[in-house]
Amino acid sequence: MKRYTLKAALSATPVAEDFVAIDVPYPDCPPGGIVVRTIYLSLDPYIGSRLRGRHMGETPPAPMADAIPGAIVGQVVESRAPGIAEGDYVHAMEGGWQEYAALPPGHFRKLDPAAAPLRAHIGVLGMPGLTAWAGITQLAKVTAGDVVLVDAAAGAVGGTAGQIARIKGAAKVVGIAGGPEKCRLVTDTYGFDACIDYKAEGWQAALKEALPEGASVFFENVSAEMAMTALSVSRTYVRGVLCGLADAYQSAGPAPHALNAGAVIGKRAQMLGLVVYDFYPRWDEYVTEASGWIRDGKLAFAEDHADGLDSTPALFGKLMRGANVGKPIITVSEEQA
């Protein structure tokens, strides 16, 4: 079977040319586990950091050997797992950039293909969606009347976070994104009240103008510097969810900016750190709730899509440049009834 791996150890932001396809043996089915045919493959920003061994201590894949990590939706072709039959669909966080994956017990979740589109489990029902739900409902606890500011609002996490905030009763949702195309996605598809283009001149004044009442919640994905910007347009007792530091994922050293303790104290702010791994045990709970929102037309998702495993390096390179619009997803093979 085909697998994509690294040509050599990385020392800089990954580009398409860093990856190579190799032929490897079809996998054996592990005891109590399954073998799946990869249908959909997720591409996520944190993988760029993980490939360099800079993501929460995780070991990078071995060049010319290991598959590039990535979440998948797959169809079971061989099973030694109780309750899982050939033909069932599963989601796995460690399927990787390959045509087939062997998954040991505890490393996959069975999916109901009738509950929501299978491809939704890569994004809005996958780790990005779970991250958004955890931050908005479990940490910030958004309720009726809240005014919510979301950074990286065109991304799979940010776009879902803003929509869930609205579903939970937020009075206003404002996003920050880079460029007119991404801002149109935020307002026209995700339904935010406004989107501020941080690449436009005078954007910080525009952000302040969009939030005259001040944000009561902000959801930060990008950097400590942007968190401080959000704090500056927030009311007292704001709840700030610190979800990620995307700007630092590919940097050579530590993040260049830090939180200003004086500003946090002055706003009496709650700063809530979010690591989505803490919420994996509640994944099925989230999927049950969010599947209903999708069916009811309350929760939308957008994709930057490509077909075929061979298209993965180019789309991943596009993601690393921040040029994607929508959740990057690869269709590796076709769904089969």
C-alpha atoms as a PDB file:
ATOM      1  CA  MET A   1       0.000   0.000   0.000  1.00  0.00           C
ATOM      2  CA  LYS A   2       0.983   3.648  -0.317  1.00  0.00           C
ATOM      3  CA  ARG A   3       2.132   5.743   2.626  1.00  0.00           C
ATOM      4  CA  TYR A   4       3.439   9.319   2.827  1.00  0.00           C
ATOM      5  CA  THR A   5       6.394   9.978   5.086  1.00  0.00           C
ATOM      6  CA  LEU A   6       9.117  12.574   5.616  1.00  0.00           C
ATOM      7  CA  LYS A   7      12.139  12.582   3.325  1.00  0.00           C
ATOM      8  CA  ALA A   8      14.304  13.840   6.198  1.00  0.00           C
ATOM      9  CA  ALA A   9      13.990  15.338   9.664  1.00  0.00           C
ATOM     10  CA  LEU A  10      12.532  18.860   9.559  1.00  0.00           C
ATOM     11  CA  SER A  11      14.073  22.061  10.858  1.00  0.00           C
ATOM     12  CA  ALA A  12      11.622  24.551   9.318  1.00  0.00           C
ATOM     13  CA  THR A  13       7.950  24.926   8.430  1.00  0.00           C
ATOM     14  CA  PRO A  14       6.951  21.940   6.265  1.00  0.00           C
ATOM     15  CA  VAL A  15       6.428  22.396   2.537  1.00  0.00           C
ATOM     16  CA  ALA A  16       5.019  19.940  -0.007  1.00  0.00           C
ATOM     17  CA  GLU A  17       8.497  18.890  -1.137  1.00  0.00           C
ATOM     18  CA  ASP A  18       9.320  17.549   2.356  1.00  0.00           C
ATOM     19  CA  PHE A  19       7.062  14.515   1.834  1.00  0.00           C
ATOM     20  CA  VAL A  20       7.488  11.371  -0.232  1.00  0.00           C
ATOM     21  CA  ALA A  21       5.308   8.358  -1.049  1.00  0.00           C
ATOM     22  CA  ILE A  22       6.682   4.931  -0.222  1.00  0.00           C
ATOM     23  CA  ASP A  23       5.350   1.390  -0.613  1.00  0.00           C
ATOM     24  CA  VAL A  24       4.859  -0.557   2.620  1.00  0.00           C
ATOM     25  CA  PRO A  25       3.254  -3.914   3.402  1.00  0.00           C
ATOM     26  CA  TYR A  26      -0.476  -4.116   3.997  1.00  0.00           C
ATOM     27  CA  PRO A  27      -0.931  -4.035   7.796  1.00  0.00           C
ATOM     28  CA  ASP A  28      -1.737  -7.001  10.025  1.00  0.00           C
ATOM     29  CA  CYS A  29      -4.828  -6.729  12.188  1.00  0.00           C
ATOM     30  CA  PRO A  30      -3.797  -6.219  15.842  1.00  0.00           C
ATOM     31  CA  PRO A  31      -5.351  -8.310  18.638  1.00  0.00           C
ATOM     32  CA  GLY A  32      -8.634  -6.705  19.618  1.00  0.00           C
ATOM     33  CA  GLY A  33      -8.187  -4.117  16.880  1.00  0.00           C
ATOM     34  CA  ILE A  34      -9.132  -3.419  13.282  1.00  0.00           C
ATOM     35  CA  VAL A  35      -7.752  -2.600   9.848  1.00  0.00           C
ATOM     36  CA  VAL A  36      -9.474   0.218   7.986  1.00  0.00           C
ATOM     37  CA  ARG A  37      -9.413   1.609   4.475  1.00  0.00           C
ATOM     38  CA  THR A  38      -8.876   5.356   4.725  1.00  0.00           C
ATOM     39  CA  ILE A  39     -11.742   7.363   3.244  1.00  0.00           C
ATOM     40  CA  TYR A  40     -11.224  10.893   4.573  1.00  0.00           C
ATOM     41  CA  LEU A  41      -7.986  12.370   5.923  1.00  0.00           C
ATOM     42  CA  SER A  42      -7.822  15.488   8.103  1.00  0.00           C
ATOM     43  CA  LEU A  43      -5.061  18.087   7.767  1.00  0.00           C
ATOM     44  CA  ASP A  44      -4.586  20.230  10.878  1.00  0.00           C
ATOM     45  CA  PRO A  45      -2.218  23.103  11.746  1.00  0.00           C
ATOM     46  CA  TYR A  46      -0.723  21.481  14.845  1.00  0.00           C
ATOM     47  CA  ILE A  47       0.707  18.656  12.719  1.00  0.00           C
ATOM     48  CA  GLY A  48       3.295  21.094  11.336  1.00  0.00           C
ATOM     49  CA  SER A  49       4.599  21.546  14.880  1.00  0.00           C
ATOM     50  CA  ARG A  50       4.341  17.841  15.651  1.00  0.00           C
ATOM     51  CA  LEU A  51       6.493  16.958  12.626  1.00  0.00           C
ATOM     52  CA  ARG A  52       9.309  18.885  14.278  1.00  0.00           C
ATOM     53  CA  GLY A  53       8.811  17.306  17.721  1.00  0.00           C
ATOM     54  CA  ARG A  54       7.462  20.552  19.178  1.00  0.00           C
ATOM     55  CA  HIS A  55       3.878  19.550  20.026  1.00  0.00           C
ATOM     56  CA  MET A  56       3.323  18.546  23.661  1.00  0.00           C
ATOM     57  CA  GLY A  57       6.387  16.298  23.676  1.00  0.00           C
ATOM     58  CA  GLU A  58       5.123  13.983  20.925  1.00  0.00           C
ATOM     59  CA  THR A  59       7.778  12.181  18.906  1.00  0.00           C
ATOM     60  CA  PRO A  60       7.911  13.160  15.218  1.00  0.00           C
ATOM     61  CA  PRO A  61       7.525  10.410  12.603  1.00  0.00           C
ATOM     62  CA  ALA A  62      10.700   8.665  11.462  1.00  0.00           C
ATOM     63  CA  PRO A  63      11.758   9.793   7.949  1.00  0.00           C
ATOM     64  CA  MET A  64      11.281   7.208   5.196  1.00  0.00           C
ATOM     65  CA  ALA A  65       9.399   4.950   7.619  1.00  0.00           C
ATOM     66  CA  ASP A  66       6.442   6.239   9.659  1.00  0.00           C
ATOM     67  CA  ALA A  67       3.253   7.664   8.218  1.00  0.00           C
ATOM     68  CA  ILE A  68       2.628  11.383   8.668  1.00  0.00           C
ATOM     69  CA  PRO A  69       0.068  11.620  11.500  1.00  0.00           C
ATOM     70  CA  GLY A  70      -3.481  12.665  10.783  1.00  0.00           C
ATOM     71  CA  ALA A  71      -7.041  11.928  11.855  1.00  0.00           C
ATOM     72  CA  ILE A  72      -9.110   9.775   9.517  1.00  0.00           C
ATOM     73  CA  VAL A  73     -12.543   8.409   8.835  1.00  0.00           C
ATOM     74  CA  GLY A  74     -12.184   4.850   7.585  1.00  0.00           C
ATOM     75  CA  GLN A  75     -14.183   1.755   6.713  1.00  0.00           C
ATOM     76  CA  VAL A  76     -13.369  -1.498   8.491  1.00  0.00           C
ATOM     77  CA  VAL A  77     -11.953  -4.202   6.199  1.00  0.00           C
ATOM     78  CA  GLU A  78     -10.818  -6.587   8.955  1.00  0.00           C
ATOM     79  CA  SER A  79     -11.894  -6.764  12.593  1.00  0.00           C
ATOM     80  CA  ARG A  80     -10.813  -8.578  15.730  1.00  0.00           C
ATOM     81  CA  ALA A  81     -12.665  -6.030  17.904  1.00  0.00           C
ATOM     82  CA  PRO A  82     -15.893  -6.839  19.770  1.00  0.00           C
ATOM     83  CA  GLY A  83     -18.863  -4.954  18.348  1.00  0.00           C
ATOM     84  CA  ILE A  84     -17.036  -3.860  15.178  1.00  0.00           C
ATOM     85  CA  ALA A  85     -17.827  -5.608  11.890  1.00  0.00           C
ATOM     86  CA  GLU A  86     -16.389  -5.399   8.407  1.00  0.00           C
ATOM     87  CA  GLY A  87     -18.059  -2.487   6.621  1.00  0.00           C
ATOM     88  CA  ASP A  88     -18.490  -0.372   9.774  1.00  0.00           C
ATOM     89  CA  TYR A  89     -17.168   3.186   9.787  1.00  0.00           C
ATOM     90  CA  VAL A  90     -14.789   4.540  12.417  1.00  0.00           C
ATOM     91  CA  HIS A  91     -12.959   7.712  13.331  1.00  0.00           C
ATOM     92  CA  ALA A  92      -9.337   7.554  14.484  1.00  0.00           C
ATOM     93  CA  MET A  93      -6.900  10.278  15.494  1.00  0.00           C
ATOM     94  CA  GLU A  94      -3.819   8.295  14.399  1.00  0.00           C
ATOM     95  CA  GLY A  95      -4.765   6.856  11.021  1.00  0.00           C
ATOM     96  CA  GLY A  96      -2.143   8.837   9.138  1.00  0.00           C
ATOM     97  CA  TRP A  97      -1.315   9.619   5.529  1.00  0.00           C
ATOM     98  CA  GLN A  98      -1.754   6.113   4.141  1.00  0.00           C
ATOM     99  CA  GLU A  99      -4.263   3.963   2.285  1.00  0.00           C
ATOM    100  CA  TYR A 100      -4.888   1.493   5.123  1.00  0.00           C
ATOM    101  CA  ALA A 101      -4.333   1.713   8.875  1.00  0.00           C
ATOM    102  CA  ALA A 102      -4.107  -0.876  11.641  1.00  0.00           C
ATOM    103  CA  LEU A 103      -5.763   0.462  14.796  1.00  0.00           C
ATOM    104  CA  PRO A 104      -5.323  -1.166  18.222  1.00  0.00           C
ATOM    105  CA  PRO A 105      -8.092  -1.262  20.856  1.00  0.00           C
ATOM    106  CA  GLY A 106      -9.005   2.108  22.298  1.00  0.00           C
ATOM    107  CA  HIS A 107      -7.749   4.047  19.276  1.00  0.00           C
ATOM    108  CA  PHE A 108     -10.969   4.331  17.272  1.00  0.00           C
ATOM    109  CA  ARG A 109     -14.612   5.323  17.660  1.00  0.00           C
ATOM    110  CA  LYS A 110     -17.475   3.680  15.765  1.00  0.00           C
ATOM    111  CA  LEU A 111     -19.552   6.123  13.694  1.00  0.00           C
ATOM    112  CA  ASP A 112     -23.219   6.150  12.747  1.00  0.00           C
ATOM    113  CA  PRO A 113     -23.290   7.076   9.038  1.00  0.00           C
ATOM    114  CA  ALA A 114     -26.979   7.997   9.312  1.00  0.00           C
ATOM    115  CA  ALA A 115     -26.419  10.633  12.005  1.00  0.00           C
ATOM    116  CA  ALA A 116     -24.377  13.095   9.920  1.00  0.00           C
ATOM    117  CA  PRO A 117     -22.229  13.148   6.773  1.00  0.00           C
ATOM    118  CA  LEU A 118     -19.156  10.989   7.344  1.00  0.00           C
ATOM    119  CA  ARG A 119     -16.814  13.757   6.226  1.00  0.00           C
ATOM    120  CA  ALA A 120     -18.159  15.978   9.030  1.00  0.00           C
ATOM    121  CA  HIS A 121     -16.304  13.753  11.520  1.00  0.00           C
ATOM    122  CA  ILE A 122     -13.028  15.137  10.149  1.00  0.00           C
ATOM    123  CA  GLY A 123     -13.901  18.729  11.046  1.00  0.00           C
ATOM    124  CA  VAL A 124     -17.060  20.013  12.662  1.00  0.00           C
ATOM    125  CA  LEU A 125     -17.710  16.691  14.470  1.00  0.00           C
ATOM    126  CA  GLY A 126     -14.011  15.856  14.779  1.00  0.00           C
ATOM    127  CA  MET A 127     -11.300  17.271  16.988  1.00  0.00           C
ATOM    128  CA  PRO A 128     -11.803  20.869  15.740  1.00  0.00           C
ATOM    129  CA  GLY A 129     -15.495  20.742  16.605  1.00  0.00           C
ATOM    130  CA  LEU A 130     -14.887  19.097  19.977  1.00  0.00           C
ATOM    131  CA  THR A 131     -12.336  21.818  20.748  1.00  0.00           C
ATOM    132  CA  ALA A 132     -14.838  24.543  19.925  1.00  0.00           C
ATOM    133  CA  TRP A 133     -17.621  22.908  21.957  1.00  0.00           C
ATOM    134  CA  ALA A 134     -15.363  22.404  24.965  1.00  0.00           C
ATOM    135  CA  GLY A 135     -14.198  26.005  24.972  1.00  0.00           C
ATOM    136  CA  ILE A 136     -17.585  27.611  24.414  1.00  0.00           C
ATOM    137  CA  THR A 137     -19.857  25.384  26.502  1.00  0.00           C
ATOM    138  CA  GLN A 138     -17.644  23.791  29.147  1.00  0.00           C
ATOM    139  CA  LEU A 139     -15.069  26.491  29.912  1.00  0.00           C
ATOM    140  CA  ALA A 140     -16.532  29.875  28.915  1.00  0.00           C
ATOM    141  CA  LYS A 141     -20.084  28.592  29.512  1.00  0.00           C
ATOM    142  CA  VAL A 142     -21.629  30.960  26.969  1.00  0.00           C
ATOM    143  CA  THR A 143     -25.265  31.772  27.687  1.00  0.00           C
ATOM    144  CA  ALA A 144     -27.953  34.157  26.488  1.00  0.00           C
ATOM    145  CA  GLY A 145     -26.742  37.726  26.065  1.00  0.00           C
ATOM    146  CA  ASP A 146     -23.008  37.059  25.844  1.00  0.00           C
ATOM    147  CA  VAL A 147     -20.928  38.998  23.310  1.00  0.00           C
ATOM    148  CA  VAL A 148     -18.295  36.666  21.869  1.00  0.00           C
ATOM    149  CA  LEU A 149     -15.081  37.455  19.968  1.00  0.00           C
ATOM    150  CA  VAL A 150     -13.396  34.615  18.054  1.00  0.00           C
ATOM    151  CA  ASP A 151      -9.904  34.823  16.552  1.00  0.00           C
ATOM    152  CA  ALA A 152      -8.983  32.668  13.518  1.00  0.00           C
ATOM    153  CA  ALA A 153     -12.712  32.633  12.849  1.00  0.00           C
ATOM    154  CA  ALA A 154     -12.400  31.182   9.335  1.00  0.00           C
ATOM    155  CA  GLY A 155     -10.734  28.047  10.671  1.00  0.00           C
ATOM    156  CA  ALA A 156     -12.505  24.824  11.563  1.00  0.00           C
ATOM    157  CA  VAL A 157     -12.201  25.502  15.304  1.00  0.00           C
ATOM    158  CA  GLY A 158     -13.015  29.199  15.242  1.00  0.00           C
ATOM    159  CA  GLY A 159     -15.887  28.927  12.783  1.00  0.00           C
ATOM    160  CA  THR A 160     -17.499  26.199  14.863  1.00  0.00           C
ATOM    161  CA  ALA A 161     -16.895  28.075  18.121  1.00  0.00           C
ATOM    162  CA  GLY A 162     -18.757  31.138  16.888  1.00  0.00           C
ATOM    163  CA  GLN A 163     -21.692  29.097  15.652  1.00  0.00           C
ATOM    164  CA  ILE A 164     -21.995  27.167  18.912  1.00  0.00           C
ATOM    165  CA  ALA A 165     -21.876  30.458  20.808  1.00  0.00           C
ATOM    166  CA  ARG A 166     -24.843  31.677  18.758  1.00  0.00           C
ATOM    167  CA  ILE A 167     -26.700  28.386  19.289  1.00  0.00           C
ATOM    168  CA  LYS A 168     -26.180  28.798  23.044  1.00  0.00           C
ATOM    169  CA  GLY A 169     -27.750  32.264  22.966  1.00  0.00           C
ATOM    170  CA  ALA A 170     -24.944  34.761  22.384  1.00  0.00           C
ATOM    171  CA  ALA A 171     -26.320  38.180  21.486  1.00  0.00           C
ATOM    172  CA  LYS A 172     -23.422  38.993  19.161  1.00  0.00           C
ATOM    173  CA  VAL A 173     -20.530  37.053  17.632  1.00  0.00           C
ATOM    174  CA  VAL A 174     -17.598  38.874  16.019  1.00  0.00           C
ATOM    175  CA  GLY A 175     -14.706  37.157  14.249  1.00  0.00           C
ATOM    176  CA  ILE A 176     -11.154  38.031  13.253  1.00  0.00           C
ATOM    177  CA  ALA A 177      -9.725  36.505  10.062  1.00  0.00           C
ATOM    178  CA  GLY A 178      -7.136  37.271   7.401  1.00  0.00           C
ATOM    179  CA  GLY A 179      -8.383  38.596   4.072  1.00  0.00           C
ATOM    180  CA  PRO A 180     -11.747  39.417   2.453  1.00  0.00           C
ATOM    181  CA  GLU A 181     -12.379  35.842   1.265  1.00  0.00           C
ATOM    182  CA  LYS A 182     -12.003  34.394   4.733  1.00  0.00           C
ATOM    183  CA  CYS A 183     -14.117  37.154   6.243  1.00  0.00           C
ATOM    184  CA  ARG A 184     -16.903  36.398   3.755  1.00  0.00           C
ATOM    185  CA  LEU A 185     -16.810  32.769   4.859  1.00  0.00           C
ATOM    186  CA  VAL A 186     -17.134  33.884   8.484  1.00  0.00           C
ATOM    187  CA  THR A 187     -20.174  36.085   7.895  1.00  0.00           C
ATOM    188  CA  ASP A 188     -21.912  34.409   4.954  1.00  0.00           C
ATOM    189  CA  THR A 189     -21.438  30.726   5.860  1.00  0.00           C
ATOM    190  CA  TYR A 190     -20.837  30.721   9.606  1.00  0.00           C
ATOM    191  CA  GLY A 191     -23.291  33.542  10.307  1.00  0.00           C
ATOM    192  CA  PHE A 192     -21.136  35.812  12.482  1.00  0.00           C
ATOM    193  CA  ASP A 193     -22.437  39.360  12.919  1.00  0.00           C
ATOM    194  CA  ALA A 194     -19.145  40.834  11.719  1.00  0.00           C
ATOM    195  CA  CYS A 195     -15.609  39.833  10.750  1.00  0.00           C
ATOM    196  CA  ILE A 196     -12.569  42.052  11.079  1.00  0.00           C
ATOM    197  CA  ASP A 197      -9.794  41.559   8.519  1.00  0.00           C
ATOM    198  CA  TYR A 198      -6.548  41.804  10.487  1.00  0.00           C
ATOM    199  CA  LYS A 199      -4.635  42.324   7.235  1.00  0.00           C
ATOM    200  CA  ALA A 200      -6.517  45.568   6.523  1.00  0.00           C
ATOM    201  CA  GLU A 201      -5.243  48.963   7.559  1.00  0.00           C
ATOM    202  CA  GLY A 202      -6.871  50.244  10.733  1.00  0.00           C
ATOM    203  CA  TRP A 203      -8.247  46.840  11.718  1.00  0.00           C
ATOM    204  CA  GLN A 204      -7.797  47.370  15.450  1.00  0.00           C
ATOM    205  CA  ALA A 205      -9.970  50.498  15.345  1.00  0.00           C
ATOM    206  CA  ALA A 206     -12.544  48.552  13.324  1.00  0.00           C
ATOM    207  CA  LEU A 207     -12.506  45.803  15.950  1.00  0.00           C
ATOM    208  CA  LYS A 208     -13.166  48.302  18.715  1.00  0.00           C
ATOM    209  CA  GLU A 209     -15.989  49.834  16.691  1.00  0.00           C
ATOM    210  CA  ALA A 210     -17.572  46.399  16.168  1.00  0.00           C
ATOM    211  CA  LEU A 211     -17.652  45.802  19.935  1.00  0.00           C
ATOM    212  CA  PRO A 212     -18.912  49.019  21.565  1.00  0.00           C
ATOM    213  CA  GLU A 213     -20.405  47.005  24.432  1.00  0.00           C
ATOM    214  CA  GLY A 214     -17.201  45.011  24.927  1.00  0.00           C
ATOM    215  CA  ALA A 215     -16.767  41.264  24.581  1.00  0.00           C
ATOM    216  CA  SER A 216     -17.862  39.151  27.534  1.00  0.00           C
ATOM    217  CA  VAL A 217     -16.096  36.083  26.076  1.00  0.00           C
ATOM    218  CA  PHE A 218     -13.147  35.726  23.732  1.00  0.00           C
ATOM    219  CA  PHE A 219     -11.802  32.563  22.103  1.00  0.00           C
ATOM    220  CA  GLU A 220      -8.134  32.813  21.157  1.00  0.00           C
ATOM    221  CA  ASN A 221      -6.394  30.449  18.736  1.00  0.00           C
ATOM    222  CA  VAL A 222      -3.372  32.391  17.520  1.00  0.00           C
ATOM    223  CA  SER A 223      -1.072  34.134  20.000  1.00  0.00           C
ATOM    224  CA  ALA A 224      -0.657  35.829  23.359  1.00  0.00           C
ATOM    225  CA  GLU A 225      -0.402  39.134  21.499  1.00  0.00           C
ATOM    226  CA  MET A 226      -3.844  38.612  19.952  1.00  0.00           C
ATOM    227  CA  ALA A 227      -5.210  37.564  23.331  1.00  0.00           C
ATOM    228  CA  MET A 228      -4.105  40.931  24.672  1.00  0.00           C
ATOM    229  CA  THR A 229      -5.801  42.639  21.737  1.00  0.00           C
ATOM    230  CA  ALA A 230      -9.004  40.763  22.587  1.00  0.00           C
ATOM    231  CA  LEU A 231      -8.657  41.753  26.235  1.00  0.00           C
ATOM    232  CA  SER A 232      -8.382  45.417  25.221  1.00  0.00           C
ATOM    233  CA  VAL A 233     -11.852  45.320  23.624  1.00  0.00           C
ATOM    234  CA  SER A 234     -13.459  43.278  26.401  1.00  0.00           C
ATOM    235  CA  ARG A 235     -15.573  44.276  29.368  1.00  0.00           C
ATOM    236  CA  THR A 236     -14.608  43.566  32.975  1.00  0.00           C
ATOM    237  CA  TYR A 237     -14.944  39.960  34.145  1.00  0.00           C
ATOM    238  CA  VAL A 238     -14.421  38.689  30.587  1.00  0.00           C
ATOM    239  CA  ARG A 239     -13.880  34.935  30.169  1.00  0.00           C
ATOM    240  CA  GLY A 240     -10.999  34.284  27.809  1.00  0.00           C
ATOM    241  CA  VAL A 241     -10.431  30.796  26.370  1.00  0.00           C
ATOM    242  CA  LEU A 242      -6.810  30.225  25.341  1.00  0.00           C
ATOM    243  CA  CYS A 243      -7.069  27.413  22.826  1.00  0.00           C
ATOM    244  CA  GLY A 244      -3.808  27.484  20.875  1.00  0.00           C
ATOM    245  CA  LEU A 245      -0.774  29.446  19.730  1.00  0.00           C
ATOM    246  CA  ALA A 246      -0.857  28.874  15.986  1.00  0.00           C
ATOM    247  CA  ASP A 247       1.632  31.686  15.353  1.00  0.00           C
ATOM    248  CA  ALA A 248       4.229  29.794  17.402  1.00  0.00           C
ATOM    249  CA  TYR A 249       3.686  26.355  15.844  1.00  0.00           C
ATOM    250  CA  GLN A 250       6.352  26.901  13.184  1.00  0.00           C
ATOM    251  CA  SER A 251       8.566  29.446  14.935  1.00  0.00           C
ATOM    252  CA  ALA A 252      12.161  28.586  15.809  1.00  0.00           C
ATOM    253  CA  GLY A 253      11.955  29.693  19.436  1.00  0.00           C
ATOM    254  CA  PRO A 254       9.467  30.554  22.150  1.00  0.00           C
ATOM    255  CA  ALA A 255       6.462  32.748  21.471  1.00  0.00           C
ATOM    256  CA  PRO A 256       7.645  36.383  21.232  1.00  0.00           C
ATOM    257  CA  HIS A 257       4.817  37.837  23.321  1.00  0.00           C
ATOM    258  CA  ALA A 258       3.451  37.035  26.759  1.00  0.00           C
ATOM    259  CA  LEU A 259       0.250  37.758  28.598  1.00  0.00           C
ATOM    260  CA  ASN A 260       0.204  41.098  30.416  1.00  0.00           C
ATOM    261  CA  ALA A 261      -0.650  40.246  34.008  1.00  0.00           C
ATOM    262  CA  GLY A 262      -1.588  43.852  34.757  1.00  0.00           C
ATOM    263  CA  ALA A 263      -4.120  43.921  31.945  1.00  0.00           C
ATOM    264  CA  VAL A 264      -5.597  40.606  33.084  1.00  0.00           C
ATOM    265  CA  ILE A 265      -5.945  41.908  36.641  1.00  0.00           C
ATOM    266  CA  GLY A 266      -7.366  45.226  35.474  1.00  0.00           C
ATOM    267  CA  LYS A 267     -10.137  43.489  33.539  1.00  0.00           C
ATOM    268  CA  ARG A 268     -10.694  40.960  36.365  1.00  0.00           C
ATOM    269  CA  ALA A 269     -10.446  38.425  33.558  1.00  0.00           C
ATOM    270  CA  GLN A 270     -10.779  34.678  33.793  1.00  0.00           C
ATOM    271  CA  MET A 271      -8.159  33.107  31.516  1.00  0.00           C
ATOM    272  CA  LEU A 272      -9.134  29.527  30.734  1.00  0.00           C
ATOM    273  CA  GLY A 273      -6.581  27.183  29.182  1.00  0.00           C
ATOM    274  CA  LEU A 274      -7.983  24.547  26.833  1.00  0.00           C
ATOM    275  CA  VAL A 275      -6.377  21.214  25.884  1.00  0.00           C
ATOM    276  CA  VAL A 276      -8.882  19.200  23.895  1.00  0.00           C
ATOM    277  CA  TYR A 277      -7.444  15.851  25.041  1.00  0.00           C
ATOM    278  CA  ASP A 278      -9.200  16.438  28.379  1.00  0.00           C
ATOM    279  CA  PHE A 279     -12.553  16.177  26.592  1.00  0.00           C
ATOM    280  CA  TYR A 280     -11.983  13.018  24.532  1.00  0.00           C
ATOM    281  CA  PRO A 281     -14.147  10.990  26.976  1.00  0.00           C
ATOM    282  CA  ARG A 282     -17.073  13.285  26.074  1.00  0.00           C
ATOM    283  CA  TRP A 283     -16.634  13.086  22.288  1.00  0.00           C
ATOM    284  CA  ASP A 284     -19.738  10.965  21.702  1.00  0.00           C
ATOM    285  CA  GLU A 285     -21.791  13.370  23.824  1.00  0.00           C
ATOM    286  CA  TYR A 286     -20.677  16.250  21.630  1.00  0.00           C
ATOM    287  CA  VAL A 287     -21.342  14.351  18.381  1.00  0.00           C
ATOM    288  CA  THR A 288     -24.878  13.490  19.499  1.00  0.00           C
ATOM    289  CA  GLU A 289     -25.667  17.130  20.254  1.00  0.00           C
ATOM    290  CA  ALA A 290     -23.913  18.636  17.225  1.00  0.00           C
ATOM    291  CA  SER A 291     -25.361  16.121  14.736  1.00  0.00           C
ATOM    292  CA  GLY A 292     -28.776  17.535  15.573  1.00  0.00           C
ATOM    293  CA  TRP A 293     -27.530  21.061  14.923  1.00  0.00           C
ATOM    294  CA  ILE A 294     -26.263  19.995  11.500  1.00  0.00           C
ATOM    295  CA  ARG A 295     -29.578  18.339  10.606  1.00  0.00           C
ATOM    296  CA  ASP A 296     -31.444  21.460  11.730  1.00  0.00           C
ATOM    297  CA  GLY A 297     -29.249  23.748   9.622  1.00  0.00           C
ATOM    298  CA  LYS A 298     -27.800  25.539  12.668  1.00  0.00           C
ATOM    299  CA  LEU A 299     -24.208  24.351  12.261  1.00  0.00           C
ATOM    300  CA  ALA A 300     -22.459  24.778   8.912  1.00  0.00           C
ATOM    301  CA  PHE A 301     -19.008  23.677   7.777  1.00  0.00           C
ATOM    302  CA  ALA A 302     -16.790  24.589   4.852  1.00  0.00           C
ATOM    303  CA  GLU A 303     -14.009  22.544   3.304  1.00  0.00           C
ATOM    304  CA  ASP A 304     -10.847  23.141   1.320  1.00  0.00           C
ATOM    305  CA  HIS A 305     -10.995  19.773  -0.403  1.00  0.00           C
ATOM    306  CA  ALA A 306      -8.733  17.691  -2.622  1.00  0.00           C
ATOM    307  CA  ASP A 307      -9.069  14.174  -4.067  1.00  0.00           C
ATOM    308  CA  GLY A 308      -6.520  11.399  -3.766  1.00  0.00           C
ATOM    309  CA  LEU A 309      -3.739  10.676  -1.306  1.00  0.00           C
ATOM    310  CA  ASP A 310      -1.195  12.124  -3.755  1.00  0.00           C
ATOM    311  CA  SER A 311      -2.802  15.562  -3.347  1.00  0.00           C
ATOM    312  CA  THR A 312      -2.059  15.606   0.395  1.00  0.00           C
ATOM    313  CA  PRO A 313       1.418  17.261   0.393  1.00  0.00           C
ATOM    314  CA  ALA A 314       0.251  20.213  -1.721  1.00  0.00           C
ATOM    315  CA  LEU A 315      -2.850  20.865   0.387  1.00  0.00           C
ATOM    316  CA  PHE A 316      -0.825  20.559   3.585  1.00  0.00           C
ATOM    317  CA  GLY A 317       1.672  23.078   2.240  1.00  0.00           C
ATOM    318  CA  LYS A 318      -1.224  25.410   1.507  1.00  0.00           C
ATOM    319  CA  LEU A 319      -2.413  25.000   5.113  1.00  0.00           C
ATOM    320  CA  MET A 320       1.063  25.797   6.447  1.00  0.00           C
ATOM    321  CA  ARG A 321       1.021  29.057   4.440  1.00  0.00           C
ATOM    322  CA  GLY A 322      -2.386  29.961   5.849  1.00  0.00           C
ATOM    323  CA  ALA A 323      -3.811  30.010   2.320  1.00  0.00           C
ATOM    324  CA  ASN A 324      -6.604  27.493   2.900  1.00  0.00           C
ATOM    325  CA  VAL A 325     -10.214  28.652   3.076  1.00  0.00           C
ATOM    326  CA  GLY A 326     -12.220  26.103   5.044  1.00  0.00           C
ATOM    327  CA  LYS A 327     -11.192  22.850   6.716  1.00  0.00           C
ATOM    328  CA  PRO A 328      -8.497  21.030   4.667  1.00  0.00           C
ATOM    329  CA  ILE A 329      -9.712  17.508   3.903  1.00  0.00           C
ATOM    330  CA  ILE A 330      -8.507  14.782   1.545  1.00  0.00           C
ATOM    331  CA  THR A 331     -10.815  12.176   0.029  1.00  0.00           C
ATOM    332  CA  VAL A 332      -8.490   9.169  -0.105  1.00  0.00           C
ATOM    333  CA  SER A 333     -11.065   6.634  -1.315  1.00  0.00           C
ATOM    334  CA  GLU A 334     -14.809   6.432  -1.921  1.00  0.00           C
ATOM    335  CA  GLU A 335     -17.487   5.683   0.633  1.00  0.00           C
ATOM    336  CA  GLN A 336     -19.016   2.235   0.096  1.00  0.00           C
ATOM    337  CA  ALA A 337     -22.350   1.035   1.439  1.00  0.00           C
END
